[in-house]
Protein backbone atom coordinates (compact mmCIF):
# COMPACT_ATOMS: atom_id res chain seq x y z
CA MET A 1 133.46 108.06 113.20
CA ARG A 2 130.50 110.22 112.27
CA ASP A 3 126.84 109.60 111.52
CA CYS A 4 126.77 106.05 112.79
CA ILE A 5 125.26 104.18 115.71
CA VAL A 6 127.10 101.41 117.48
CA PHE A 7 124.91 98.87 119.26
CA PRO A 8 126.34 96.89 122.18
CA ILE A 9 126.17 93.13 121.81
CA THR A 10 126.25 92.24 125.50
CA GLY A 11 123.27 91.92 127.81
CA PRO A 12 120.16 89.74 127.76
CA ARG A 13 119.38 90.76 124.15
CA PRO A 14 121.39 92.92 121.76
CA HIS A 15 119.70 96.28 121.08
CA SER A 16 119.60 95.54 117.36
CA ASP A 17 117.51 92.44 118.12
CA GLU A 18 115.21 94.39 120.43
CA ILE A 19 114.36 96.72 117.56
CA SER A 20 111.60 94.72 115.83
CA GLY A 21 113.54 91.47 115.92
CA SER A 22 116.09 92.95 113.56
CA ASP A 23 119.15 91.18 112.26
CA LEU A 24 120.63 94.37 110.73
CA ASP A 25 120.59 92.95 107.21
CA GLY A 26 119.77 96.29 105.63
CA ASP A 27 117.09 97.37 108.09
CA GLN A 28 116.73 101.12 108.39
CA TYR A 29 116.20 103.08 111.59
CA TRP A 30 115.17 106.57 112.46
CA VAL A 31 117.00 108.25 115.32
CA TYR A 32 115.44 111.30 116.93
CA TRP A 33 117.63 113.67 118.93
CA GLY A 34 115.02 116.33 119.76
CA GLN A 35 113.46 117.00 123.14
CA GLU A 36 109.78 117.30 122.13
CA LEU A 37 109.14 113.57 121.84
CA LYS A 38 109.61 111.81 125.15
CA ILE A 39 108.77 108.32 126.27
CA ASP A 40 107.34 108.38 129.79
CA LYS A 41 107.01 104.64 130.25
CA PRO A 42 109.45 102.52 128.27
CA ILE A 43 107.93 99.21 127.18
CA GLU A 44 109.91 96.00 126.98
CA PRO A 45 110.27 94.79 123.40
CA LEU A 46 108.52 91.59 122.42
CA SER A 47 110.70 88.55 122.58
CA HIS A 48 110.35 86.88 119.21
CA SER A 49 111.35 83.30 118.89
CA SER A 50 111.47 81.63 115.52
CA ALA A 51 110.12 78.19 114.91
CA ASP A 52 112.69 75.43 114.83
CA LYS A 53 113.98 74.88 111.33
CA LEU A 54 112.24 72.04 109.61
CA THR A 55 114.63 69.20 108.92
CA LEU A 56 113.76 66.28 106.74
CA PRO A 57 116.05 63.37 105.91
CA ASN A 58 115.19 62.92 102.22
CA ILE A 59 113.66 65.93 100.54
CA THR A 60 111.87 65.16 97.31
CA ASN A 61 110.80 67.48 94.50
CA GLU A 62 107.18 66.89 95.49
CA MET A 63 107.90 68.02 99.05
CA VAL A 64 109.50 71.25 97.80
CA ILE A 65 106.59 71.94 95.45
CA ASP A 66 104.07 71.21 98.23
CA TYR A 67 105.89 73.54 100.63
CA PHE A 68 105.99 76.43 98.16
CA LEU A 69 102.35 75.99 97.18
CA ARG A 70 101.32 76.09 100.85
CA ALA A 71 103.63 79.05 101.54
CA ILE A 72 102.21 81.03 98.61
CA ASP A 73 98.67 80.17 99.70
CA THR A 74 99.33 81.48 103.22
CA ASN A 75 101.46 84.52 102.28
CA CYS A 76 99.79 86.65 104.88
CA TYR A 77 102.27 89.43 105.74
CA SER A 78 100.18 92.32 104.46
CA LEU A 79 96.95 90.90 105.89
CA ILE A 80 98.53 90.48 109.33
CA ALA A 81 100.00 94.00 109.16
CA ASP A 82 96.66 95.52 108.13
CA ILE A 83 94.71 93.68 110.83
CA HIS A 84 97.33 94.75 113.39
CA THR A 85 96.90 98.39 112.34
CA VAL A 86 93.11 98.23 112.70
CA VAL A 87 93.23 96.36 116.03
CA ALA A 88 95.79 98.82 117.43
CA ASP A 89 93.59 101.72 116.33
CA ARG A 90 90.33 100.27 117.65
CA THR A 91 91.32 98.75 121.00
CA GLU A 92 91.87 100.69 124.20
CA LYS A 93 95.31 99.18 124.83
CA GLY A 94 96.42 99.73 121.21
CA THR A 95 99.57 97.83 120.32
CA LEU A 96 99.72 96.48 123.88
CA SER A 97 96.43 94.60 123.44
CA THR A 98 96.58 90.81 123.53
CA GLU A 99 95.41 90.69 119.92
CA CYS A 100 98.18 93.03 118.70
CA VAL A 101 100.84 91.09 120.56
CA GLU A 102 99.56 87.84 118.99
CA LEU A 103 99.54 89.45 115.53
CA ALA A 104 103.05 90.86 115.98
CA THR A 105 104.28 87.38 116.90
CA LEU A 106 102.48 85.82 113.93
CA PHE A 107 103.96 88.47 111.63
CA TYR A 108 107.48 87.78 112.86
CA ARG A 109 106.99 84.04 112.37
CA ALA A 110 105.49 84.62 108.91
CA ILE A 111 108.51 86.68 107.89
CA ASP A 112 110.82 83.92 109.14
CA SER A 113 108.78 81.09 107.58
CA PRO A 114 110.82 80.84 104.35
CA LYS A 115 113.90 80.16 106.51
CA THR A 116 112.21 77.83 108.99
CA GLY A 117 109.69 76.01 106.80
CA GLU A 118 106.87 76.92 109.20
CA ILE A 119 103.43 77.31 107.64
CA ILE A 120 101.42 79.97 109.47
CA ASP A 121 98.08 78.80 110.84
CA MET A 122 95.49 81.11 109.34
CA ASP A 123 92.73 80.28 111.89
CA LYS A 124 93.77 82.95 114.42
CA ILE A 125 94.31 85.50 111.66
CA SER A 126 90.88 84.71 110.18
CA SER A 127 89.23 85.05 113.58
CA LEU A 128 90.75 88.51 114.16
CA ARG A 129 89.98 89.54 110.57
CA ASP A 130 86.31 88.62 111.02
CA ARG A 131 86.16 90.51 114.33
CA PHE A 132 88.02 93.73 113.46
CA TYR A 133 88.54 93.97 109.70
CA THR A 134 85.15 95.38 108.72
CA LYS A 135 85.82 99.14 108.87
CA PHE A 136 89.05 101.04 108.47
CA PRO A 137 90.49 104.34 109.66
CA LYS A 138 90.88 106.86 106.85
CA PHE A 139 94.69 106.85 107.15
CA MET A 140 94.77 103.27 105.82
CA MET A 141 93.38 104.64 102.53
CA LYS A 142 91.04 101.73 101.84
CA SER A 143 88.77 103.93 99.76
CA ASP A 144 86.70 101.00 98.51
CA ARG A 145 85.82 99.91 102.08
CA PRO A 146 83.72 101.38 104.89
CA TYR A 147 85.69 103.61 107.25
CA TYR A 148 85.34 105.07 110.72
CA GLU A 149 86.59 108.28 112.31
CA SER A 150 89.80 107.47 114.13
CA THR A 151 91.18 109.66 116.90
CA SER A 152 94.74 108.37 116.52
CA ILE A 153 97.79 110.47 115.74
CA LEU A 154 98.12 108.56 112.45
CA GLU A 155 94.67 109.78 111.43
CA LYS A 156 95.53 113.37 112.38
CA LEU A 157 98.81 113.27 110.45
CA TYR A 158 97.10 111.72 107.43
CA LEU A 159 94.29 114.31 107.37
CA ASN A 160 96.76 117.21 107.77
CA ALA A 161 98.96 115.86 104.97
CA LYS A 162 95.90 115.44 102.77
CA LYS A 163 94.89 119.08 103.42
CA ILE A 164 98.36 120.30 102.49
CA LYS A 165 98.34 118.19 99.32
CA LEU A 166 94.93 119.54 98.28
CA LYS A 167 96.03 123.15 98.90
CA SER A 168 99.14 122.68 96.77
CA LYS A 169 97.03 121.11 94.00
CA ASP A 170 94.67 124.11 94.06
CA ARG A 171 97.59 126.54 93.95
CA TYR A 172 99.06 124.98 90.78
CA LYS A 173 95.90 123.89 88.95
CA ASN A 174 96.19 126.72 86.35
CA TYR A 175 99.80 125.84 85.48
CA GLN A 176 100.87 123.27 82.94
CA ILE A 177 103.92 121.17 83.55
CA ALA A 178 106.03 120.80 80.42
C-alpha cells in the first residue's frame, strides 16, 4: 500500500474520532512529514458526545414541519465558527479558552442536530456574539465590519498572501487575457 494512512481502532477512542469528531465519511486530512513544525505540548482532543436521538411514538406531518422550521431558524454553523475564530484570536488562551471549548461543543452538536433532532439553544451563542463579535481580525475578510490588528499567525499569513496577490496583479496589469 502507498499514500494511505491506517488508523487503529483500539484504545479509549479511535484516532479518526479524535480528529475533530470525525466519522471518516469523506473528511479530508493534511499530514505533515517535515521537521520544522513541532508540537511541544500535545493537547487531548475534545470528547464530543452527541445528544440522544429524539424518538417519538407517532410522528405527524406537523411535527416534521415544526422541526424543520426550527432547525432552519437556528442554522448556526457559520455563526458559531465565526465567533469561535474571533474568540480564539482575542483571548489569551486561544482555542483552549472556556468560551472556545463551549463553542466547539455547540458546533459539533449543531452539525449532528439533523441526525439527533436536537435544536441548538441560541442563548449561549448570542451571549458570546454580543461580547466578542464586534470587531474582526483582517484575515476574516469582513470588509464591511470594524476590524482590529491581530497578532496571530493567521493574520500574518493572510497579510503576506495579500501582498503577494497585489504584487502579481501589478506585474500583469498591462497585459490583457484573451
